Protein backbone atom coordinates (compact mmCIF):
# COMPACT_ATOMS: atom_id res chain seq x y z
CA MET A 1 -0.25 13.14 -34.13
CA GLU A 2 -2.10 12.12 -37.29
CA ALA A 3 0.72 9.75 -38.31
CA THR A 4 0.73 8.16 -34.84
CA ALA A 5 -3.03 7.64 -35.01
CA ILE A 6 -2.72 5.90 -38.40
CA VAL A 7 0.01 3.58 -37.08
CA GLU A 8 -2.02 2.82 -33.95
CA ASP A 9 -5.08 1.89 -36.01
CA GLU A 10 -2.98 -0.45 -38.18
CA VAL A 11 -1.42 -2.11 -35.14
CA ARG A 12 -4.80 -2.61 -33.48
CA GLU A 13 -6.15 -4.23 -36.65
CA LEU A 14 -3.18 -6.61 -36.85
CA VAL A 15 -3.52 -7.46 -33.15
CA ARG A 16 -7.15 -8.38 -33.80
CA ARG A 17 -6.36 -10.46 -36.89
CA ARG A 18 -3.52 -12.37 -35.23
CA ALA A 19 -5.52 -12.91 -32.02
CA ILE A 20 -2.82 -11.38 -29.83
CA ASP A 21 -3.77 -10.56 -26.24
CA PRO A 22 -2.03 -7.21 -25.55
CA ALA A 23 -2.37 -7.61 -21.79
CA ASP A 24 -0.48 -10.93 -21.81
CA ASP A 25 1.97 -10.37 -24.65
CA ALA A 26 3.21 -6.78 -24.70
CA SER A 27 6.46 -7.86 -26.39
CA ALA A 28 4.50 -9.16 -29.40
CA VAL A 29 2.69 -5.82 -29.62
CA ARG A 30 6.05 -4.01 -29.53
CA ARG A 31 7.45 -6.14 -32.37
CA LEU A 32 4.29 -5.56 -34.36
CA ALA A 33 4.48 -1.79 -33.75
CA GLU A 34 8.10 -1.71 -34.91
CA GLU A 35 7.19 -3.58 -38.10
CA VAL A 36 4.24 -1.27 -38.83
CA VAL A 37 6.31 1.86 -38.15
CA ALA A 38 9.07 0.66 -40.49
CA ASP A 39 6.54 -0.12 -43.23
CA TYR A 40 4.74 3.19 -42.68
CA ASP A 41 8.04 5.09 -42.88
CA GLU A 42 8.73 3.65 -46.32
CA ARG A 43 5.22 4.41 -47.56
CA SER A 44 5.47 8.00 -46.31
CA LEU A 45 8.37 8.64 -48.70
CA THR A 46 5.83 8.94 -51.52
CA GLY A 47 4.41 12.02 -49.85
CA ARG A 48 0.92 10.56 -49.53
CA LEU A 49 1.18 10.03 -45.77
CA PRO A 50 2.28 12.35 -42.95
CA VAL A 51 5.96 11.88 -42.13
CA LEU A 52 7.04 10.28 -38.83
CA VAL A 53 9.33 12.67 -36.97
CA ASP A 54 10.52 10.24 -34.25
CA ARG A 55 10.05 6.55 -34.98
CA ASP A 56 11.05 5.39 -31.47
CA ALA A 57 8.61 7.82 -29.86
CA VAL A 58 5.79 6.60 -32.11
CA VAL A 59 6.52 2.96 -31.26
CA ARG A 60 6.51 3.79 -27.55
CA THR A 61 3.25 5.75 -27.80
CA VAL A 62 1.51 3.02 -29.79
CA VAL A 63 2.66 0.23 -27.45
CA ASP A 64 1.47 2.25 -24.44
CA ALA A 65 -1.90 2.80 -26.11
CA VAL A 66 -2.44 -0.80 -27.23
CA ALA A 67 -0.72 -2.89 -24.54
CA GLY A 68 -0.49 -0.41 -21.69
CA TYR A 69 -2.53 2.38 -20.16
CA GLY A 70 -2.08 5.04 -22.80
CA PRO A 71 -0.86 8.47 -21.67
CA LEU A 72 -0.68 7.25 -18.05
CA GLN A 73 1.85 4.55 -18.87
CA VAL A 74 4.78 6.96 -18.83
CA HIS A 75 3.93 7.85 -15.22
CA LEU A 76 3.40 4.21 -14.28
CA ASP A 77 6.84 3.38 -15.69
CA ASP A 78 8.52 6.28 -13.90
CA PRO A 79 10.19 4.83 -10.76
CA GLU A 80 10.05 8.21 -9.01
CA VAL A 81 6.25 8.51 -9.29
CA GLU A 82 4.51 7.18 -6.17
CA GLU A 83 0.90 7.96 -7.01
CA ILE A 84 -1.18 9.16 -9.95
CA TRP A 85 -4.61 10.74 -9.68
CA ILE A 86 -7.12 12.20 -12.11
CA ASN A 87 -9.51 14.89 -10.89
CA GLU A 88 -10.85 15.51 -14.38
CA PRO A 89 -9.57 14.62 -17.88
CA GLY A 90 -7.50 17.81 -18.11
CA LYS A 91 -6.07 17.57 -14.59
CA VAL A 92 -3.73 14.63 -14.04
CA PHE A 93 -1.49 14.82 -10.98
CA VAL A 94 1.43 12.71 -9.75
CA ALA A 95 3.33 12.54 -6.46
CA ARG A 96 7.12 12.40 -6.35
CA GLY A 97 9.03 12.24 -3.11
CA GLY A 98 5.84 12.88 -1.18
CA ARG A 99 4.98 16.06 -3.11
CA SER A 100 2.26 16.49 -5.72
CA GLU A 101 2.61 18.12 -9.13
CA LEU A 102 0.26 18.80 -12.02
CA THR A 103 1.37 17.00 -15.21
CA THR A 104 1.00 18.04 -18.83
CA THR A 105 -1.01 14.88 -19.56
CA ILE A 106 -4.38 15.68 -21.10
CA LEU A 107 -7.05 12.99 -21.43
CA THR A 108 -10.61 12.88 -22.70
CA GLU A 109 -13.68 11.79 -20.75
CA ALA A 110 -14.02 8.70 -22.94
CA GLY A 111 -10.29 8.07 -22.59
CA VAL A 112 -10.53 8.00 -18.79
CA HIS A 113 -13.44 5.56 -18.93
CA ASP A 114 -11.56 3.31 -21.37
CA LEU A 115 -8.43 3.31 -19.18
CA VAL A 116 -10.41 2.38 -16.07
CA GLU A 117 -12.18 -0.40 -17.96
CA ARG A 118 -8.84 -1.82 -19.06
CA MET A 119 -7.43 -1.59 -15.54
CA LEU A 120 -10.40 -3.48 -14.10
CA ARG A 121 -10.41 -6.15 -16.80
CA THR A 122 -8.10 -8.56 -14.93
CA SER A 123 -9.35 -7.73 -11.42
CA GLY A 124 -12.81 -9.26 -11.60
CA ARG A 125 -14.23 -6.13 -9.96
CA ARG A 126 -16.94 -3.89 -11.35
CA LEU A 127 -17.93 -0.24 -11.41
CA ASP A 128 -21.47 0.95 -12.13
CA LEU A 129 -24.28 3.05 -10.66
CA SER A 130 -25.07 0.39 -8.07
CA SER A 131 -21.39 0.12 -7.11
CA PRO A 132 -19.90 3.60 -7.64
CA PHE A 133 -16.64 2.83 -5.80
CA VAL A 134 -14.02 0.26 -6.69
CA ASP A 135 -10.73 -0.87 -5.19
CA ALA A 136 -8.57 -3.15 -7.32
CA ALA A 137 -4.99 -4.23 -7.80
CA LEU A 138 -3.30 -3.81 -11.18
CA PRO A 139 -1.04 -6.61 -12.49
CA SER A 140 1.97 -4.46 -11.52
CA GLY A 141 0.81 -4.44 -7.88
CA ALA A 142 -0.37 -0.82 -7.97
CA ARG A 143 -3.67 -0.10 -6.21
CA LEU A 144 -6.53 1.45 -8.17
CA HIS A 145 -9.38 3.39 -6.58
CA VAL A 146 -12.17 4.93 -8.68
CA VAL A 147 -15.29 6.92 -7.78
CA ILE A 148 -17.90 7.89 -10.36
CA PRO A 149 -20.83 10.38 -10.50
CA ASP A 150 -23.20 11.03 -8.90
CA ILE A 151 -20.93 10.41 -5.93
CA THR A 152 -18.46 12.79 -7.54
CA ARG A 153 -19.78 16.06 -8.91
CA ARG A 154 -19.11 15.51 -12.60
CA HIS A 155 -15.95 13.57 -13.56
CA TRP A 156 -14.57 10.16 -12.63
CA ALA A 157 -12.02 10.44 -9.81
CA VAL A 158 -9.17 7.99 -10.30
CA ASN A 159 -6.27 7.21 -7.93
CA ILE A 160 -3.45 4.81 -8.74
CA ARG A 161 -1.12 4.21 -5.82
CA LYS A 162 2.08 2.51 -6.90
CA PHE A 163 3.96 0.37 -4.45
CA VAL A 164 7.42 1.81 -5.05
CA VAL A 165 9.64 -0.82 -3.45
CA GLY A 166 12.46 1.34 -2.13
CA ALA A 167 12.89 -0.72 1.02
CA THR A 168 12.29 -4.33 1.98
CA ARG A 169 14.16 -4.43 5.29
CA THR A 170 14.51 -2.03 8.20
CA GLU A 171 18.18 -1.47 7.32
CA HIS A 172 16.97 0.06 4.06
CA LEU A 173 14.76 2.45 6.04
CA VAL A 174 17.79 3.43 8.11
CA ALA A 175 19.68 4.26 4.90
CA LEU A 176 16.72 6.38 3.76
CA GLY A 177 16.75 8.31 7.04
CA THR A 178 13.37 6.95 8.18
CA MET A 179 14.73 5.86 11.56
CA THR A 180 17.95 5.27 13.47
CA ALA A 181 19.94 2.06 13.40
CA SER A 182 19.24 1.36 17.09
CA CYS A 183 15.48 1.79 16.57
CA ALA A 184 15.59 -0.56 13.56
CA ALA A 185 17.52 -3.18 15.52
CA PHE A 186 15.05 -2.96 18.38
CA LEU A 187 11.99 -3.29 16.10
CA ASP A 188 13.54 -6.26 14.26
CA ALA A 189 14.18 -7.95 17.59
CA ALA A 190 10.64 -7.20 18.79
CA VAL A 191 9.11 -8.76 15.67
CA ALA A 192 11.43 -11.78 15.83
CA SER A 193 10.51 -12.21 19.52
CA GLY A 194 6.80 -12.35 18.67
CA LEU A 195 5.58 -8.98 19.97
CA ASN A 196 2.39 -7.58 18.46
CA VAL A 197 3.10 -4.41 16.49
CA VAL A 198 0.71 -1.78 15.14
CA VAL A 199 2.00 0.70 12.55
CA ALA A 200 0.14 4.03 12.67
CA GLY A 201 0.23 7.08 10.44
CA GLY A 202 -1.61 9.15 7.88
CA THR A 203 -2.19 8.56 4.18
CA GLN A 204 1.07 8.07 2.24
CA ALA A 205 3.09 8.07 5.47
CA GLY A 206 4.72 4.76 4.55
CA LYS A 207 2.71 2.37 6.74
CA THR A 208 2.66 -0.44 4.18
CA THR A 209 6.38 -0.10 3.49
CA MET A 210 7.10 -0.19 7.23
CA LEU A 211 4.94 -3.29 7.62
CA ASN A 212 6.80 -4.99 4.76
CA CYS A 213 10.16 -4.16 6.28
CA LEU A 214 9.16 -5.34 9.75
CA SER A 215 7.83 -8.59 8.29
CA ALA A 216 11.30 -9.38 7.00
CA ALA A 217 12.31 -9.98 10.63
CA VAL A 218 9.78 -12.79 11.06
CA PRO A 219 11.76 -16.03 11.54
CA ALA A 220 11.99 -18.12 8.36
CA ARG A 221 10.37 -21.14 10.01
CA GLU A 222 7.11 -19.26 10.65
CA ARG A 223 4.05 -19.38 8.40
CA VAL A 224 2.62 -15.92 7.68
CA VAL A 225 -0.96 -15.24 6.55
CA THR A 226 -1.76 -11.73 5.32
CA VAL A 227 -5.24 -10.20 5.10
CA GLU A 228 -5.96 -7.08 3.00
CA GLU A 229 -8.80 -5.26 1.28
CA VAL A 230 -6.69 -5.19 -1.90
CA PHE A 231 -3.29 -6.83 -2.30
CA GLU A 232 -0.57 -4.30 -1.46
CA LEU A 233 1.83 -6.11 0.83
CA ALA A 234 4.84 -7.72 -0.83
CA LEU A 235 6.30 -9.90 1.90
CA GLN A 236 9.50 -11.74 1.06
CA ASN A 237 8.99 -14.44 3.69
CA ARG A 238 9.49 -18.07 2.72
CA ASP A 239 6.09 -19.36 3.87
CA VAL A 240 3.41 -16.73 3.20
CA VAL A 241 -0.20 -16.79 1.97
CA GLY A 242 -2.10 -13.62 1.03
CA LEU A 243 -5.87 -13.12 1.21
CA GLN A 244 -7.91 -10.18 -0.11
CA CYS A 245 -11.54 -9.10 0.13
CA ARG A 246 -14.12 -9.57 -2.62
CA GLN A 247 -16.89 -7.23 -3.68
CA PRO A 248 -20.48 -8.49 -4.01
CA GLY A 249 -21.55 -9.71 -7.43
CA LEU A 250 -24.30 -8.33 -9.66
CA GLU A 251 -26.89 -10.14 -7.57
CA GLY A 252 -25.57 -8.51 -4.41
CA ASN A 253 -24.08 -11.70 -2.95
CA GLY A 254 -20.64 -13.29 -2.82
CA GLU A 255 -19.02 -10.52 -0.78
CA VAL A 256 -16.04 -11.51 1.38
CA THR A 257 -15.30 -8.98 4.10
CA LEU A 258 -12.14 -8.32 6.07
CA ARG A 259 -13.80 -9.73 9.19
CA ARG A 260 -14.46 -12.99 7.38
CA LEU A 261 -10.89 -13.16 6.13
CA VAL A 262 -9.43 -12.67 9.61
CA LYS A 263 -11.55 -15.57 10.86
CA GLU A 264 -10.61 -17.77 7.89
CA ALA A 265 -6.93 -16.94 8.30
CA LEU A 266 -6.99 -18.43 11.78
CA ARG A 267 -7.93 -21.79 10.22
CA MET A 268 -4.84 -21.79 7.99
CA ARG A 269 -2.32 -22.66 10.68
CA PRO A 270 -0.68 -19.24 10.86
CA ASP A 271 2.33 -18.58 13.07
CA ARG A 272 1.92 -14.89 12.34
CA LEU A 273 -1.09 -12.82 11.21
CA VAL A 274 -0.58 -9.58 9.25
CA VAL A 275 -3.58 -7.33 8.52
CA GLY A 276 -2.94 -4.64 5.93
CA GLU A 277 -5.18 -2.08 7.61
CA VAL A 278 -7.92 -2.12 10.23
CA ARG A 279 -10.66 0.45 9.76
CA GLN A 280 -13.86 -0.97 11.17
CA ALA A 281 -15.27 -3.91 13.09
CA GLU A 282 -12.55 -6.29 11.88
CA SER A 283 -10.36 -4.72 14.57
CA LEU A 284 -12.33 -6.78 17.12
CA ASP A 285 -11.48 -10.04 15.36
CA LEU A 286 -7.84 -9.00 15.12
CA LEU A 287 -7.67 -8.18 18.84
CA ILE A 288 -9.25 -11.51 19.75
CA ALA A 289 -6.72 -13.32 17.54
CA LEU A 290 -3.77 -11.45 19.08
CA ASN A 291 -5.15 -11.98 22.56
CA SER A 292 -5.22 -15.73 21.95
CA GLY A 293 -1.45 -15.88 21.68
CA LEU A 294 -1.05 -15.54 17.90
CA PRO A 295 1.60 -12.89 17.11
CA GLY A 296 0.54 -10.33 14.55
CA MET A 297 0.93 -6.93 12.96
CA ALA A 298 -1.42 -4.39 11.39
CA THR A 299 -1.67 -0.76 10.30
CA VAL A 300 -4.17 1.89 11.33
CA HIS A 301 -4.76 5.50 10.32
CA ALA A 302 -3.89 7.79 13.22
CA ASN A 303 -2.12 11.10 13.84
CA SER A 304 0.03 9.75 16.68
CA ALA A 305 0.88 6.52 18.45
CA ARG A 306 -1.38 7.36 21.39
CA GLU A 307 -4.27 8.22 19.08
CA ALA A 308 -3.78 4.83 17.45
CA VAL A 309 -4.26 3.14 20.83
CA THR A 310 -7.41 5.20 21.41
CA LYS A 311 -8.72 4.33 17.96
CA LEU A 312 -8.16 0.62 18.55
CA CYS A 313 -10.30 1.00 21.67
CA THR A 314 -13.09 2.59 19.61
CA LEU A 315 -13.22 0.64 16.33
CA PRO A 316 -14.25 -2.71 17.88
CA LEU A 317 -17.39 -1.03 19.25
CA LEU A 318 -18.63 -0.96 15.64
CA ALA A 319 -18.98 -4.74 15.79
CA GLY A 320 -22.26 -4.48 17.68
CA PRO A 321 -24.04 -3.20 20.80
CA ASN A 322 -22.91 -6.23 22.80
CA VAL A 323 -19.27 -5.14 22.50
CA THR A 324 -18.47 -2.66 25.25
CA ALA A 325 -15.51 -0.53 26.27
CA ASP A 326 -15.22 -2.58 29.48
CA PHE A 327 -14.21 -5.53 27.28
CA VAL A 328 -12.31 -3.72 24.53
CA VAL A 329 -9.96 -1.50 26.58
CA PRO A 330 -8.29 -4.27 28.61
CA THR A 331 -8.19 -6.43 25.47
CA VAL A 332 -6.27 -3.74 23.58
CA ALA A 333 -3.93 -3.30 26.56
CA SER A 334 -3.08 -6.99 26.61
CA ALA A 335 -3.08 -7.60 22.84
CA VAL A 336 -0.99 -4.66 21.54
CA ASP A 337 2.67 -4.48 22.57
CA LEU A 338 4.18 -1.73 20.38
CA VAL A 339 2.85 1.12 18.23
CA VAL A 340 5.17 2.57 15.57
CA HIS A 341 4.07 6.00 14.33
CA VAL A 342 5.32 7.04 10.88
CA ALA A 343 4.70 10.40 9.23
CA LEU A 344 5.16 12.16 5.91
CA GLU A 345 7.20 15.28 6.67
CA ALA A 346 6.99 18.63 4.89
CA ASP A 347 10.17 17.84 2.94
CA GLY A 348 8.51 14.73 1.46
CA ARG A 349 10.44 12.22 3.58
CA ARG A 350 8.87 9.48 5.67
CA ARG A 351 10.12 9.25 9.23
CA VAL A 352 9.39 7.30 12.38
CA ARG A 353 8.24 9.84 14.93
CA GLU A 354 7.58 7.55 17.87
CA VAL A 355 7.69 3.97 19.11
CA LEU A 356 5.23 3.51 21.95
CA ALA A 357 5.17 0.56 24.36
CA VAL A 358 1.90 -0.76 25.77
CA PRO A 359 2.81 -2.55 29.03
CA GLY A 360 -0.68 -3.98 29.49
CA ARG A 361 -1.89 -1.92 32.43
CA VAL A 362 -5.18 0.01 32.55
CA GLU A 363 -5.88 2.78 35.07
CA ALA A 364 -9.38 4.32 35.34
CA GLY A 365 -10.26 3.08 31.85
CA VAL A 366 -7.08 4.54 30.30
CA ILE A 367 -4.35 2.34 28.84
CA GLU A 368 -0.89 3.14 30.17
CA THR A 369 1.83 3.69 27.59
CA SER A 370 5.50 4.60 27.60
CA THR A 371 7.76 6.06 24.92
CA VAL A 372 10.53 3.75 23.77
CA TYR A 373 11.67 6.16 21.04
CA GLY A 374 10.45 9.71 20.53
CA THR A 375 11.17 12.75 18.39
CA VAL A 376 12.91 15.84 19.77
CA LEU A 377 13.67 19.17 18.12
CA GLY A 378 16.96 21.01 18.11
CA ALA A 379 17.55 24.17 20.14
CA ASP A 380 16.53 26.28 17.15
CA GLY A 381 13.21 24.42 16.79
CA ALA A 382 14.43 22.49 13.76
CA GLY A 383 16.43 19.34 13.13
CA ALA A 384 13.93 16.78 14.45
CA ARG A 385 15.58 13.49 15.39
CA LEU A 386 14.56 10.18 16.87
CA VAL A 387 16.02 9.49 20.32
CA ARG A 388 15.68 6.87 23.02
CA GLY A 389 12.84 7.51 25.44
CA GLY A 390 12.44 6.21 28.96
CA GLY A 391 9.97 3.42 28.19
CA THR A 392 10.62 -0.30 27.85
CA PRO A 393 8.59 -2.87 25.93
CA PRO A 394 6.55 -5.59 27.59
CA HIS A 395 7.43 -9.29 27.56
CA GLU A 396 11.16 -9.08 28.20
CA GLU A 397 11.13 -12.87 28.56
CA ARG A 398 10.25 -13.21 24.87
CA PHE A 399 13.37 -11.26 23.90
CA VAL A 400 15.44 -13.55 26.11
CA ARG A 401 13.93 -16.70 24.58
CA ALA A 402 14.67 -15.35 21.09
CA GLY A 403 18.29 -14.70 22.09
CA PHE A 404 18.24 -10.89 22.35
CA ASP A 405 19.76 -8.68 25.05
CA LEU A 406 17.06 -6.06 25.58
CA VAL A 407 19.32 -3.77 27.61
CA ALA A 408 21.90 -3.69 24.83
CA LEU A 409 19.20 -3.15 22.19
CA LEU A 410 17.86 -0.11 24.03
CA ALA A 411 21.26 1.44 24.66
CA GLU A 412 21.52 5.07 23.50
CA ASP A 413 22.88 5.68 19.99
CA GLY A 414 26.58 6.39 19.94
């Protein structure tokens, strides 16, 4: 460890002298580290310096420390790691395949603070006593969330959610066992036909991945505008513009909220609006946009598809006392066409549990729904599988205009 520290100090000094920006030129830092390690190895032959046991390991450690995120870089580089979180310097966890595990990584309090500072350097976002929470996107696309005392009890709480791109189309989700081929074909057709789709589920259920995959079915001629708190979506569409929120500055002004972004997006000639997640009053603006004839998609936290519909009837009420359920409920019924519920199962897999249709009818203040696809258990109570339900989606004429045979799409799996 002492030899590694000496090499790291020498590399940092050379980086400073040569005016190298480690964040922008990691390859230059690697070459410099290799040169320093080779020189150090020769000097250590005299016996005056600690010997390097593994030159490659030292180069990797030094590059991670100078140009990367130190001890966390190995987890960030691991394609199987989905999320990293720090409860305290001596407790660093990762999630693999939907399951958490405690790592052997040990940090210091100052080390955690330094890593967070480096992660925020390119984001333009800040973290201090007046703003004890921060959401930011790392250059890799991973999402950073940090909370500091006195909101936390003692230590900084850090979460880094990596966007592990294992699927970009619904066919990839079929291969992963997330849903059946017939369900994927139906959802692709629904998106291509311009139906409004809400993806519901819990944390880490795969909502963003599902939204990305569904967006691949948007016709190439359409212009897509995405709205998010922090950039997470990675749409592959030809014509796409992404917008993200902005925190207030030191003077307390300059904030750009999700509600503002939804309104601004409507002025950008969108053919399709995609909202990363609705949590509060912005749901009202989304519903109004969808109700005006603009096709769109969004995600929402909910334990089931029906709870998602109920939540969408509640969140717009946060917009103000002049917004009532008498307005919101029929608006949700007419604006939302399908709800796709995804869940993280006990075995760590993400699966579609239900696809719910919203025909647009309201009875006694309750929105009618029907199950297009649902989950059933085997005779032994295990072996959950997605099967065709008895429901049908609204707007059959849109499927016809887009060239789809809805009856054939909803035929039972063979």
